[in-house]
PDB file of N, CA and C in Angstrom:
ATOM      1  N   UNK A   1     -36.955  -8.563  -0.581  1.00  0.00           N
ATOM      2  CA  UNK A   1     -35.837  -8.050  -0.237  1.00  0.00           C
ATOM      3  C   UNK A   1     -35.830  -6.652  -0.934  1.00  0.00           C
ATOM      4  N   UNK A   2     -35.434  -5.625   0.026  1.00  0.00           N
ATOM      5  CA  UNK A   2     -35.369  -4.223  -0.356  1.00  0.00           C
ATOM      6  C   UNK A   2     -34.439  -3.633  -1.676  1.00  0.00           C
ATOM      7  N   UNK A   3     -34.670  -2.735  -2.172  1.00  0.00           N
ATOM      8  CA  UNK A   3     -33.747  -1.895  -3.377  1.00  0.00           C
ATOM      9  C   UNK A   3     -32.481  -2.054  -2.943  1.00  0.00           C
ATOM     10  N   UNK A   4     -32.283  -1.390  -1.469  1.00  0.00           N
ATOM     11  CA  UNK A   4     -30.552  -0.981  -0.818  1.00  0.00           C
ATOM     12  C   UNK A   4     -29.844  -2.618  -0.993  1.00  0.00           C
ATOM     13  N   UNK A   5     -30.499  -3.424  -0.567  1.00  0.00           N
ATOM     14  CA  UNK A   5     -30.178  -4.620  -0.144  1.00  0.00           C
ATOM     15  C   UNK A   5     -29.666  -5.688  -1.845  1.00  0.00           C
ATOM     16  N   UNK A   6     -30.579  -5.019  -2.814  1.00  0.00           N
ATOM     17  CA  UNK A   6     -30.027  -5.653  -3.911  1.00  0.00           C
ATOM     18  C   UNK A   6     -29.108  -5.000  -4.778  1.00  0.00           C
ATOM     19  N   UNK A   7     -29.041  -3.867  -4.292  1.00  0.00           N
ATOM     20  CA  UNK A   7     -27.983  -2.569  -5.167  1.00  0.00           C
ATOM     21  C   UNK A   7     -26.594  -3.597  -4.259  1.00  0.00           C
ATOM     22  N   UNK A   8     -26.795  -3.239  -2.852  1.00  0.00           N
ATOM     23  CA  UNK A   8     -25.429  -3.674  -2.430  1.00  0.00           C
ATOM     24  C   UNK A   8     -24.934  -5.229  -2.475  1.00  0.00           C
ATOM     25  N   UNK A   9     -25.958  -6.156  -3.059  1.00  0.00           N
ATOM     26  CA  UNK A   9     -25.402  -7.388  -3.568  1.00  0.00           C
ATOM     27  C   UNK A   9     -24.754  -7.562  -4.591  1.00  0.00           C
ATOM     28  N   UNK A  10     -25.456  -6.449  -5.613  1.00  0.00           N
ATOM     29  CA  UNK A  10     -25.183  -6.605  -6.773  1.00  0.00           C
ATOM     30  C   UNK A  10     -23.878  -5.795  -6.722  1.00  0.00           C
ATOM     31  N   UNK A  11     -23.262  -4.782  -5.878  1.00  0.00           N
ATOM     32  CA  UNK A  11     -22.035  -3.969  -6.169  1.00  0.00           C
ATOM     33  C   UNK A  11     -21.147  -4.979  -5.252  1.00  0.00           C
ATOM     34  N   UNK A  12     -21.442  -5.979  -4.386  1.00  0.00           N
ATOM     35  CA  UNK A  12     -20.501  -7.019  -3.990  1.00  0.00           C
ATOM     36  C   UNK A  12     -20.026  -7.820  -4.968  1.00  0.00           C
ATOM     37  N   UNK A  13     -21.123  -8.113  -5.582  1.00  0.00           N
ATOM     38  CA  UNK A  13     -20.637  -9.386  -6.535  1.00  0.00           C
ATOM     39  C   UNK A  13     -19.656  -8.694  -7.766  1.00  0.00           C
ATOM     40  N   UNK A  14     -19.800  -7.795  -8.051  1.00  0.00           N
ATOM     41  CA  UNK A  14     -19.174  -6.990  -9.031  1.00  0.00           C
ATOM     42  C   UNK A  14     -17.829  -6.626  -8.519  1.00  0.00           C
ATOM     43  N   UNK A  15     -17.604  -6.359  -7.293  1.00  0.00           N
ATOM     44  CA  UNK A  15     -16.373  -6.391  -6.570  1.00  0.00           C
ATOM     45  C   UNK A  15     -15.410  -7.719  -6.694  1.00  0.00           C
ATOM     46  N   UNK A  16     -16.451  -8.567  -6.451  1.00  0.00           N
ATOM     47  CA  UNK A  16     -15.489  -9.787  -6.361  1.00  0.00           C
ATOM     48  C   UNK A  16     -15.099 -10.284  -7.728  1.00  0.00           C
ATOM     49  N   UNK A  17     -15.967 -10.059  -8.737  1.00  0.00           N
ATOM     50  CA  UNK A  17     -15.743 -10.484 -10.200  1.00  0.00           C
ATOM     51  C   UNK A  17     -14.775  -9.852 -10.588  1.00  0.00           C
ATOM     52  N   UNK A  18     -14.412  -8.160  -9.949  1.00  0.00           N
ATOM     53  CA  UNK A  18     -13.319  -7.557 -10.909  1.00  0.00           C
ATOM     54  C   UNK A  18     -12.143  -7.201  -9.548  1.00  0.00           C
ATOM     55  N   UNK A  19     -11.909  -8.434  -8.943  1.00  0.00           N
ATOM     56  CA  UNK A  19     -10.955  -8.264  -7.551  1.00  0.00           C
ATOM     57  C   UNK A  19      -9.413  -8.169  -8.092  1.00  0.00           C
ATOM     58  N   UNK A  20      -9.227  -8.375  -9.168  1.00  0.00           N
ATOM     59  CA  UNK A  20      -8.078  -7.983  -9.311  1.00  0.00           C
ATOM     60  C   UNK A  20      -7.728  -6.601  -9.551  1.00  0.00           C
ATOM     61  N   UNK A  21      -8.858  -5.904 -10.175  1.00  0.00           N
ATOM     62  CA  UNK A  21      -8.977  -4.326 -10.632  1.00  0.00           C
ATOM     63  C   UNK A  21      -9.272  -3.600  -9.258  1.00  0.00           C
ATOM     64  N   UNK A  22      -9.864  -4.182  -8.440  1.00  0.00           N
ATOM     65  CA  UNK A  22     -10.243  -3.828  -7.115  1.00  0.00           C
ATOM     66  C   UNK A  22      -8.796  -3.543  -6.258  1.00  0.00           C
ATOM     67  N   UNK A  23      -7.904  -4.292  -6.189  1.00  0.00           N
ATOM     68  CA  UNK A  23      -6.570  -4.658  -5.809  1.00  0.00           C
ATOM     69  C   UNK A  23      -5.881  -3.639  -5.957  1.00  0.00           C
ATOM     70  N   UNK A  24      -6.030  -3.519  -7.548  1.00  0.00           N
ATOM     71  CA  UNK A  24      -5.035  -2.376  -7.936  1.00  0.00           C
ATOM     72  C   UNK A  24      -5.446  -1.049  -7.567  1.00  0.00           C
ATOM     73  N   UNK A  25      -6.517  -0.647  -7.786  1.00  0.00           N
ATOM     74  CA  UNK A  25      -7.136   0.610  -7.330  1.00  0.00           C
ATOM     75  C   UNK A  25      -6.914   1.031  -6.111  1.00  0.00           C
ATOM     76  N   UNK A  26      -7.280  -0.029  -5.119  1.00  0.00           N
ATOM     77  CA  UNK A  26      -7.166   0.276  -3.583  1.00  0.00           C
ATOM     78  C   UNK A  26      -5.938   0.396  -3.332  1.00  0.00           C
ATOM     79  N   UNK A  27      -4.539  -0.534  -4.009  1.00  0.00           N
ATOM     80  CA  UNK A  27      -3.320  -0.065  -3.440  1.00  0.00           C
ATOM     81  C   UNK A  27      -3.150   1.216  -4.012  1.00  0.00           C
ATOM     82  N   UNK A  28      -3.391   1.546  -4.949  1.00  0.00           N
ATOM     83  CA  UNK A  28      -2.872   3.107  -5.478  1.00  0.00           C
ATOM     84  C   UNK A  28      -3.317   3.845  -4.464  1.00  0.00           C
ATOM     85  N   UNK A  29      -4.601   4.195  -4.210  1.00  0.00           N
ATOM     86  CA  UNK A  29      -5.185   4.991  -3.556  1.00  0.00           C
ATOM     87  C   UNK A  29      -4.668   4.999  -2.124  1.00  0.00           C
ATOM     88  N   UNK A  30      -4.454   3.853  -1.694  1.00  0.00           N
ATOM     89  CA  UNK A  30      -3.788   3.691  -0.255  1.00  0.00           C
ATOM     90  C   UNK A  30      -2.527   4.047  -0.262  1.00  0.00           C
ATOM     91  N   UNK A  31      -1.619   3.833  -1.280  1.00  0.00           N
ATOM     92  CA  UNK A  31      -0.302   4.346  -1.239  1.00  0.00           C
ATOM     93  C   UNK A  31      -0.062   5.415  -1.469  1.00  0.00           C
ATOM     94  N   UNK A  32      -0.648   6.263  -2.195  1.00  0.00           N
ATOM     95  CA  UNK A  32      -0.990   7.670  -2.477  1.00  0.00           C
ATOM     96  C   UNK A  32      -1.215   8.398  -0.828  1.00  0.00           C
ATOM     97  N   UNK A  33      -2.385   8.035  -0.195  1.00  0.00           N
ATOM     98  CA  UNK A  33      -2.693   8.671   0.733  1.00  0.00           C
ATOM     99  C   UNK A  33      -1.553   8.232   1.942  1.00  0.00           C
ATOM    100  N   UNK A  34      -0.954   7.325   2.185  1.00  0.00           N
ATOM    101  CA  UNK A  34      -0.198   6.984   2.916  1.00  0.00           C
ATOM    102  C   UNK A  34       1.177   7.811   2.542  1.00  0.00           C
ATOM    103  N   UNK A  35       1.774   8.057   1.386  1.00  0.00           N
ATOM    104  CA  UNK A  35       2.742   8.742   1.077  1.00  0.00           C
ATOM    105  C   UNK A  35       2.341  10.295   1.447  1.00  0.00           C
ATOM    106  N   UNK A  36       1.061  10.563   1.311  1.00  0.00           N
ATOM    107  CA  UNK A  36       1.152  11.924   1.671  1.00  0.00           C
ATOM    108  C   UNK A  36       0.826  12.165   3.086  1.00  0.00           C
ATOM    109  N   UNK A  37       0.250  11.361   3.999  1.00  0.00           N
ATOM    110  CA  UNK A  37       0.541  10.851   5.188  1.00  0.00           C
ATOM    111  C   UNK A  37       2.114  11.457   5.954  1.00  0.00           C
ATOM    112  N   UNK A  38       2.867  10.531   5.192  1.00  0.00           N
ATOM    113  CA  UNK A  38       4.409  10.435   5.694  1.00  0.00           C
ATOM    114  C   UNK A  38       4.848  11.890   5.480  1.00  0.00           C
ATOM    115  N   UNK A  39       4.498  12.348   4.508  1.00  0.00           N
ATOM    116  CA  UNK A  39       5.197  13.698   3.951  1.00  0.00           C
ATOM    117  C   UNK A  39       4.768  14.676   4.954  1.00  0.00           C
ATOM    118  N   UNK A  40       3.310  14.654   5.180  1.00  0.00           N
ATOM    119  CA  UNK A  40       3.154  15.737   6.232  1.00  0.00           C
ATOM    120  C   UNK A  40       2.706  15.360   7.746  1.00  0.00           C
ATOM    121  N   UNK A  41       3.558  14.424   8.118  1.00  0.00           N
ATOM    122  CA  UNK A  41       3.910  13.796   9.563  1.00  0.00           C
ATOM    123  C   UNK A  41       2.586  13.375  10.111  1.00  0.00           C
ATOM    124  N   UNK A  42       1.810  12.734   9.049  1.00  0.00           N
ATOM    125  CA  UNK A  42       0.487  12.114   9.315  1.00  0.00           C
ATOM    126  C   UNK A  42       0.834  10.631  10.109  1.00  0.00           C
ATOM    127  N   UNK A  43       1.416  10.132  10.781  1.00  0.00           N
ATOM    128  CA  UNK A  43       2.111   8.764  10.647  1.00  0.00           C
ATOM    129  C   UNK A  43       0.703   7.985  11.186  1.00  0.00           C
ATOM    130  N   UNK A  44      -0.201   8.525  11.817  1.00  0.00           N
ATOM    131  CA  UNK A  44      -1.513   7.587  12.402  1.00  0.00           C
ATOM    132  C   UNK A  44      -2.194   7.351  10.853  1.00  0.00           C
ATOM    133  N   UNK A  45      -2.282   8.208  10.041  1.00  0.00           N
ATOM    134  CA  UNK A  45      -2.656   7.979   8.557  1.00  0.00           C
ATOM    135  C   UNK A  45      -1.912   7.005   7.758  1.00  0.00           C
ATOM    136  N   UNK A  46      -0.493   7.299   7.924  1.00  0.00           N
ATOM    137  CA  UNK A  46      -0.015   6.133   7.285  1.00  0.00           C
ATOM    138  C   UNK A  46      -0.117   4.740   8.015  1.00  0.00           C
ATOM    139  N   UNK A  47      -0.196   4.359   8.980  1.00  0.00           N
ATOM    140  CA  UNK A  47      -0.442   3.220   9.737  1.00  0.00           C
ATOM    141  C   UNK A  47      -2.111   2.705   9.430  1.00  0.00           C
ATOM    142  N   UNK A  48      -2.984   3.735   9.019  1.00  0.00           N
ATOM    143  CA  UNK A  48      -4.116   3.079   8.928  1.00  0.00           C
ATOM    144  C   UNK A  48      -4.438   2.566   7.437  1.00  0.00           C
ATOM    145  N   UNK A  49      -3.278   3.154   6.611  1.00  0.00           N
ATOM    146  CA  UNK A  49      -3.382   2.797   5.328  1.00  0.00           C
ATOM    147  C   UNK A  49      -2.648   1.512   5.019  1.00  0.00           C
ATOM    148  N   UNK A  50      -1.581   1.325   5.905  1.00  0.00           N
ATOM    149  CA  UNK A  50      -0.913  -0.264   5.870  1.00  0.00           C
ATOM    150  C   UNK A  50      -1.899  -1.076   6.244  1.00  0.00           C
ATOM    151  N   UNK A  51      -2.514  -0.945   7.371  1.00  0.00           N
ATOM    152  CA  UNK A  51      -3.897  -1.757   8.074  1.00  0.00           C
ATOM    153  C   UNK A  51      -4.772  -1.969   6.762  1.00  0.00           C
ATOM    154  N   UNK A  52      -5.126  -0.853   6.361  1.00  0.00           N
ATOM    155  CA  UNK A  52      -6.083  -0.859   5.024  1.00  0.00           C
ATOM    156  C   UNK A  52      -5.758  -1.674   3.756  1.00  0.00           C
ATOM    157  N   UNK A  53      -4.464  -1.489   3.633  1.00  0.00           N
ATOM    158  CA  UNK A  53      -4.159  -2.299   2.628  1.00  0.00           C
ATOM    159  C   UNK A  53      -3.894  -3.745   2.780  1.00  0.00           C
ATOM    160  N   UNK A  54      -3.315  -4.152   4.170  1.00  0.00           N
ATOM    161  CA  UNK A  54      -3.650  -5.488   4.327  1.00  0.00           C
ATOM    162  C   UNK A  54      -5.136  -6.185   4.429  1.00  0.00           C
ATOM    163  N   UNK A  55      -5.982  -5.384   4.615  1.00  0.00           N
ATOM    164  CA  UNK A  55      -7.354  -5.828   4.670  1.00  0.00           C
ATOM    165  C   UNK A  55      -7.644  -6.141   3.322  1.00  0.00           C
ATOM    166  N   UNK A  56      -7.456  -5.034   2.305  1.00  0.00           N
ATOM    167  CA  UNK A  56      -7.561  -5.546   0.778  1.00  0.00           C
ATOM    168  C   UNK A  56      -6.984  -6.734   0.125  1.00  0.00           C
ATOM    169  N   UNK A  57      -5.725  -6.761   0.721  1.00  0.00           N
ATOM    170  CA  UNK A  57      -5.052  -7.981   0.459  1.00  0.00           C
ATOM    171  C   UNK A  57      -5.800  -9.486   0.821  1.00  0.00           C
ATOM    172  N   UNK A  58      -6.015  -9.267   2.217  1.00  0.00           N
ATOM    173  CA  UNK A  58      -6.613 -10.545   2.677  1.00  0.00           C
ATOM    174  C   UNK A  58      -7.937 -10.699   1.972  1.00  0.00           C
ATOM    175  N   UNK A  59      -8.548  -9.685   1.753  1.00  0.00           N
ATOM    176  CA  UNK A  59     -10.237 -10.042   1.047  1.00  0.00           C
ATOM    177  C   UNK A  59      -9.736 -10.310  -0.699  1.00  0.00           C
ATOM    178  N   UNK A  60      -8.847  -9.984  -1.058  1.00  0.00           N
ATOM    179  CA  UNK A  60      -8.688 -10.439  -2.296  1.00  0.00           C
ATOM    180  C   UNK A  60      -8.028 -12.263  -2.334  1.00  0.00           C
ATOM    181  N   UNK A  61      -7.368 -12.678  -1.067  1.00  0.00           N
ATOM    182  CA  UNK A  61      -6.981 -13.677  -1.124  1.00  0.00           C
ATOM    183  C   UNK A  61      -8.244 -14.530  -0.720  1.00  0.00           C
ATOM    184  N   UNK A  62      -9.084 -13.962  -0.115  1.00  0.00           N
ATOM    185  CA  UNK A  62     -10.256 -14.849   0.625  1.00  0.00           C
ATOM    186  C   UNK A  62     -11.277 -14.958  -0.741  1.00  0.00           C
ATOM    187  N   UNK A  63     -11.113 -14.119  -1.855  1.00  0.00           N
ATOM    188  CA  UNK A  63     -11.927 -14.464  -2.763  1.00  0.00           C
ATOM    189  C   UNK A  63     -11.478 -15.077  -4.026  1.00  0.00           C
ATOM    190  N   UNK A  64     -10.192 -15.421  -3.986  1.00  0.00           N
ATOM    191  CA  UNK A  64      -9.486 -16.269  -5.025  1.00  0.00           C
ATOM    192  C   UNK A  64      -9.868 -17.560  -4.971  1.00  0.00           C
ATOM    193  N   UNK A  65      -9.868 -18.140  -6.211  1.00  0.00           N
ATOM    194  CA  UNK A  65      -9.848 -19.590  -6.442  1.00  0.00           C
ATOM    195  C   UNK A  65      -8.564 -19.934  -5.563  1.00  0.00           C
ATOM    196  N   UNK A  66      -8.747 -21.321  -5.592  1.00  0.00           N
ATOM    197  CA  UNK A  66      -7.903 -22.330  -4.928  1.00  0.00           C
ATOM    198  C   UNK A  66      -6.666 -22.280  -5.425  1.00  0.00           C
ATOM    199  N   UNK A  67      -6.341 -22.051  -6.711  1.00  0.00           N
ATOM    200  CA  UNK A  67      -5.056 -22.335  -7.123  1.00  0.00           C
ATOM    201  C   UNK A  67      -4.300 -20.910  -7.153  1.00  0.00           C
ATOM    202  N   UNK A  68      -5.096 -19.663  -7.126  1.00  0.00           N
ATOM    203  CA  UNK A  68      -4.287 -18.597  -6.811  1.00  0.00           C
ATOM    204  C   UNK A  68      -3.873 -18.442  -5.794  1.00  0.00           C
ATOM    205  N   UNK A  69      -4.695 -18.647  -4.453  1.00  0.00           N
ATOM    206  CA  UNK A  69      -4.658 -18.321  -3.145  1.00  0.00           C
ATOM    207  C   UNK A  69      -3.725 -19.042  -2.556  1.00  0.00           C
ATOM    208  N   UNK A  70      -3.606 -20.432  -2.535  1.00  0.00           N
ATOM    209  CA  UNK A  70      -2.545 -21.192  -1.707  1.00  0.00           C
ATOM    210  C   UNK A  70      -1.347 -21.330  -2.314  1.00  0.00           C
ATOM    211  N   UNK A  71      -1.375 -21.167  -3.634  1.00  0.00           N
ATOM    212  CA  UNK A  71      -0.107 -21.285  -4.482  1.00  0.00           C
ATOM    213  C   UNK A  71       0.321 -22.945  -4.678  1.00  0.00           C
ATOM    214  N   UNK A  72      -0.724 -23.835  -4.456  1.00  0.00           N
ATOM    215  CA  UNK A  72      -0.474 -25.068  -4.331  1.00  0.00           C
ATOM    216  C   UNK A  72      -1.247 -25.656  -5.464  1.00  0.00           C
ATOM    217  N   UNK A  73      -1.766 -25.098  -6.513  1.00  0.00           N
ATOM    218  CA  UNK A  73      -2.434 -25.629  -7.403  1.00  0.00           C
ATOM    219  C   UNK A  73      -3.839 -26.025  -7.294  1.00  0.00           C
ATOM    220  N   UNK A  74      -4.540 -27.258  -7.814  1.00  0.00           N
ATOM    221  CA  UNK A  74      -5.599 -27.164  -7.491  1.00  0.00           C
ATOM    222  C   UNK A  74      -6.227 -27.834  -5.949  1.00  0.00           C
ATOM    223  N   UNK A  75      -5.241 -28.295  -5.440  1.00  0.00           N
ATOM    224  CA  UNK A  75      -5.136 -28.876  -3.921  1.00  0.00           C
ATOM    225  C   UNK A  75      -5.242 -27.804  -2.917  1.00  0.00           C
ATOM    226  N   UNK A  76      -5.153 -26.322  -3.392  1.00  0.00           N
ATOM    227  CA  UNK A  76      -5.026 -25.262  -2.165  1.00  0.00           C
ATOM    228  C   UNK A  76      -6.599 -25.393  -1.527  1.00  0.00           C
ATOM    229  N   UNK A  77      -6.517 -25.559  -0.183  1.00  0.00           N
ATOM    230  CA  UNK A  77      -7.421 -25.366   0.337  1.00  0.00           C
ATOM    231  C   UNK A  77      -7.584 -24.050   1.173  1.00  0.00           C
ATOM    232  N   UNK A  78      -8.366 -24.439   2.605  1.00  0.00           N
ATOM    233  CA  UNK A  78      -8.548 -23.028   3.365  1.00  0.00           C
ATOM    234  C   UNK A  78      -7.292 -22.867   4.402  1.00  0.00           C
ATOM    235  N   UNK A  79      -6.639 -24.194   4.538  1.00  0.00           N
ATOM    236  CA  UNK A  79      -5.586 -24.190   5.203  1.00  0.00           C
ATOM    237  C   UNK A  79      -4.331 -23.679   4.659  1.00  0.00           C
ATOM    238  N   UNK A  80      -4.077 -23.775   3.200  1.00  0.00           N
ATOM    239  CA  UNK A  80      -3.169 -23.084   2.392  1.00  0.00           C
ATOM    240  C   UNK A  80      -3.801 -21.683   2.614  1.00  0.00           C
ATOM    241  N   UNK A  81      -4.975 -21.220   2.312  1.00  0.00           N
ATOM    242  CA  UNK A  81      -5.151 -19.814   2.415  1.00  0.00           C
ATOM    243  C   UNK A  81      -5.000 -19.406   3.811  1.00  0.00           C
ATOM    244  N   UNK A  82      -5.312 -19.687   4.847  1.00  0.00           N
ATOM    245  CA  UNK A  82      -4.839 -19.427   6.224  1.00  0.00           C
ATOM    246  C   UNK A  82      -3.365 -18.971   6.298  1.00  0.00           C
ATOM    247  N   UNK A  83      -2.798 -19.969   5.721  1.00  0.00           N
ATOM    248  CA  UNK A  83      -1.233 -20.074   5.866  1.00  0.00           C
ATOM    249  C   UNK A  83      -0.925 -18.699   4.898  1.00  0.00           C
ATOM    250  N   UNK A  84      -1.419 -18.841   4.036  1.00  0.00           N
ATOM    251  CA  UNK A  84      -0.709 -17.181   2.882  1.00  0.00           C
ATOM    252  C   UNK A  84      -1.280 -16.126   3.521  1.00  0.00           C
ATOM    253  N   UNK A  85      -2.333 -16.101   4.514  1.00  0.00           N
ATOM    254  CA  UNK A  85      -2.609 -14.733   4.930  1.00  0.00           C
ATOM    255  C   UNK A  85      -1.566 -14.708   6.347  1.00  0.00           C
ATOM    256  N   UNK A  86      -1.732 -15.450   7.032  1.00  0.00           N
ATOM    257  CA  UNK A  86      -0.678 -15.474   8.263  1.00  0.00           C
ATOM    258  C   UNK A  86       0.945 -14.987   7.838  1.00  0.00           C
ATOM    259  N   UNK A  87       1.288 -15.758   6.473  1.00  0.00           N
ATOM    260  CA  UNK A  87       2.739 -15.156   6.121  1.00  0.00           C
ATOM    261  C   UNK A  87       2.641 -13.847   5.755  1.00  0.00           C
ATOM    262  N   UNK A  88       1.534 -13.525   5.031  1.00  0.00           N
ATOM    263  CA  UNK A  88       1.351 -12.219   4.606  1.00  0.00           C
ATOM    264  C   UNK A  88       1.570 -11.023   5.935  1.00  0.00           C
ATOM    265  N   UNK A  89       0.626 -11.461   7.117  1.00  0.00           N
ATOM    266  CA  UNK A  89       0.324 -10.572   8.184  1.00  0.00           C
ATOM    267  C   UNK A  89       1.840 -10.360   9.128  1.00  0.00           C
ATOM    268  N   UNK A  90       2.294 -11.624   8.849  1.00  0.00           N
ATOM    269  CA  UNK A  90       3.713 -11.664   9.732  1.00  0.00           C
ATOM    270  C   UNK A  90       4.405 -10.863   9.097  1.00  0.00           C
ATOM    271  N   UNK A  91       4.722 -10.887   7.702  1.00  0.00           N
ATOM    272  CA  UNK A  91       5.634 -10.053   6.790  1.00  0.00           C
ATOM    273  C   UNK A  91       5.306  -8.276   7.224  1.00  0.00           C
ATOM    274  N   UNK A  92       4.079  -7.933   7.175  1.00  0.00           N
ATOM    275  CA  UNK A  92       3.680  -6.566   7.276  1.00  0.00           C
ATOM    276  C   UNK A  92       3.819  -6.422   8.685  1.00  0.00           C
ATOM    277  N   UNK A  93       3.613  -7.120   9.913  1.00  0.00           N
ATOM    278  CA  UNK A  93       3.970  -6.616  10.952  1.00  0.00           C
ATOM    279  C   UNK A  93       5.520  -6.562  11.340  1.00  0.00           C
ATOM    280  N   UNK A  94       6.137  -7.265  10.507  1.00  0.00           N
ATOM    281  CA  UNK A  94       7.375  -7.305  10.613  1.00  0.00           C
ATOM    282  C   UNK A  94       8.078  -5.595  10.219  1.00  0.00           C
ATOM    283  N   UNK A  95       7.762  -5.654   8.853  1.00  0.00           N
ATOM    284  CA  UNK A  95       7.874  -4.493   8.151  1.00  0.00           C
ATOM    285  C   UNK A  95       7.162  -2.896   9.014  1.00  0.00           C
ATOM    286  N   UNK A  96       6.074  -3.084   9.802  1.00  0.00           N
ATOM    287  CA  UNK A  96       5.802  -1.984  10.862  1.00  0.00           C
ATOM    288  C   UNK A  96       6.793  -1.997  12.168  1.00  0.00           C
ATOM    289  N   UNK A  97       7.003  -3.272  12.343  1.00  0.00           N
ATOM    290  CA  UNK A  97       8.046  -2.889  13.604  1.00  0.00           C
ATOM    291  C   UNK A  97       9.208  -2.416  13.181  1.00  0.00           C
ATOM    292  N   UNK A  98       9.935  -2.850  11.965  1.00  0.00           N
ATOM    293  CA  UNK A  98      11.039  -2.135  11.788  1.00  0.00           C
ATOM    294  C   UNK A  98      10.868  -0.567  11.281  1.00  0.00           C
ATOM    295  N   UNK A  99      10.099  -0.578  10.899  1.00  0.00           N
ATOM    296  CA  UNK A  99       9.500   1.146  10.317  1.00  0.00           C
ATOM    297  C   UNK A  99       9.533   1.966  11.617  1.00  0.00           C
ATOM    298  N   UNK A 100       8.713   1.384  12.705  1.00  0.00           N
ATOM    299  CA  UNK A 100       8.575   1.733  13.960  1.00  0.00           C
ATOM    300  C   UNK A 100      10.201   2.300  14.695  1.00  0.00           C
ATOM    301  N   UNK A 101      10.966   1.070  14.467  1.00  0.00           N
ATOM    302  CA  UNK A 101      12.138   1.302  15.055  1.00  0.00           C
ATOM    303  C   UNK A 101      12.953   2.159  14.717  1.00  0.00           C
ATOM    304  N   UNK A 102      12.834   2.429  13.261  1.00  0.00           N
ATOM    305  CA  UNK A 102      13.236   3.767  12.486  1.00  0.00           C
ATOM    306  C   UNK A 102      13.298   4.837  12.738  1.00  0.00           C
ATOM    307  N   UNK A 103      11.673   5.243  13.082  1.00  0.00           N
ATOM    308  CA  UNK A 103      10.834   6.359  13.499  1.00  0.00           C
ATOM    309  C   UNK A 103      11.605   6.844  14.834  1.00  0.00           C
ATOM    310  N   UNK A 104      11.735   5.841  15.691  1.00  0.00           N
ATOM    311  CA  UNK A 104      12.559   5.780  16.996  1.00  0.00           C
ATOM    312  C   UNK A 104      13.506   6.331  17.269  1.00  0.00           C
ATOM    313  N   UNK A 105      14.395   5.437  16.467  1.00  0.00           N
ATOM    314  CA  UNK A 105      15.908   5.857  15.923  1.00  0.00           C
ATOM    315  C   UNK A 105      16.198   7.555  15.601  1.00  0.00           C
ATOM    316  N   UNK A 106      14.917   7.604  14.687  1.00  0.00           N
ATOM    317  CA  UNK A 106      15.433   9.016  14.002  1.00  0.00           C
ATOM    318  C   UNK A 106      15.465  10.004  15.000  1.00  0.00           C
ATOM    319  N   UNK A 107      14.251  10.236  15.923  1.00  0.00           N
ATOM    320  CA  UNK A 107      13.957  11.067  17.041  1.00  0.00           C
ATOM    321  C   UNK A 107      14.753  11.193  17.753  1.00  0.00           C
ATOM    322  N   UNK A 108      15.467   9.970  18.424  1.00  0.00           N
ATOM    323  CA  UNK A 108      16.369   9.685  19.351  1.00  0.00           C
ATOM    324  C   UNK A 108      17.961  10.803  18.711  1.00  0.00           C
ATOM    325  N   UNK A 109      18.483  10.466  17.527  1.00  0.00           N
ATOM    326  CA  UNK A 109      19.206  10.982  17.212  1.00  0.00           C
ATOM    327  C   UNK A 109      19.069  12.431  16.729  1.00  0.00           C
ATOM    328  N   UNK A 110      17.865  13.140  16.467  1.00  0.00           N
ATOM    329  CA  UNK A 110      17.220  14.246  16.088  1.00  0.00           C
ATOM    330  C   UNK A 110      17.685  15.065  17.775  1.00  0.00           C
ATOM    331  N   UNK A 111      17.102  14.346  18.673  1.00  0.00           N
ATOM    332  CA  UNK A 111      17.042  14.839  20.062  1.00  0.00           C
ATOM    333  C   UNK A 111      18.324  15.100  20.603  1.00  0.00           C
ATOM    334  N   UNK A 112      19.253  13.915  20.343  1.00  0.00           N
ATOM    335  CA  UNK A 112      20.593  14.265  20.693  1.00  0.00           C
ATOM    336  C   UNK A 112      21.124  15.032  20.182  1.00  0.00           C
ATOM    337  N   UNK A 113      21.133  15.359  18.895  1.00  0.00           N
ATOM    338  CA  UNK A 113      21.967  16.246  18.151  1.00  0.00           C
ATOM    339  C   UNK A 113      21.447  17.649  18.708  1.00  0.00           C
ATOM    340  N   UNK A 114      19.967  17.918  19.185  1.00  0.00           N
ATOM    341  CA  UNK A 114      19.764  19.085  19.680  1.00  0.00           C
ATOM    342  C   UNK A 114      20.270  19.498  21.108  1.00  0.00           C
ATOM    343  N   UNK A 115      20.717  18.512  21.871  1.00  0.00           N
ATOM    344  CA  UNK A 115      21.578  18.977  23.323  1.00  0.00           C
ATOM    345  C   UNK A 115      22.452  19.348  22.835  1.00  0.00           C
TER     346      UNK A 115
END
């Protein structure tokens, strides 16, 4: 095994061991970048941050022990985890749909005022 492979494995093990800290750090960074993107009309960047944050949350759920992941105690298995990820994804997609509709409504209102 080469040195870079050992380093990569060590880094991954450390990230999994500190998954809560990684989630907090990634959330903070992605929220700040998303707000900056929104302020400067970089909606592509904002959407990318939302999707990356969802990926971080899924990674957190996948590396969590059963009792944290499914919320069903020690009986929480892969199906509970999938359901939690599906619910989280559905909420995120719903939020994105609402945000998109709000943006489209605001654009239509601005265009209507301009005429």
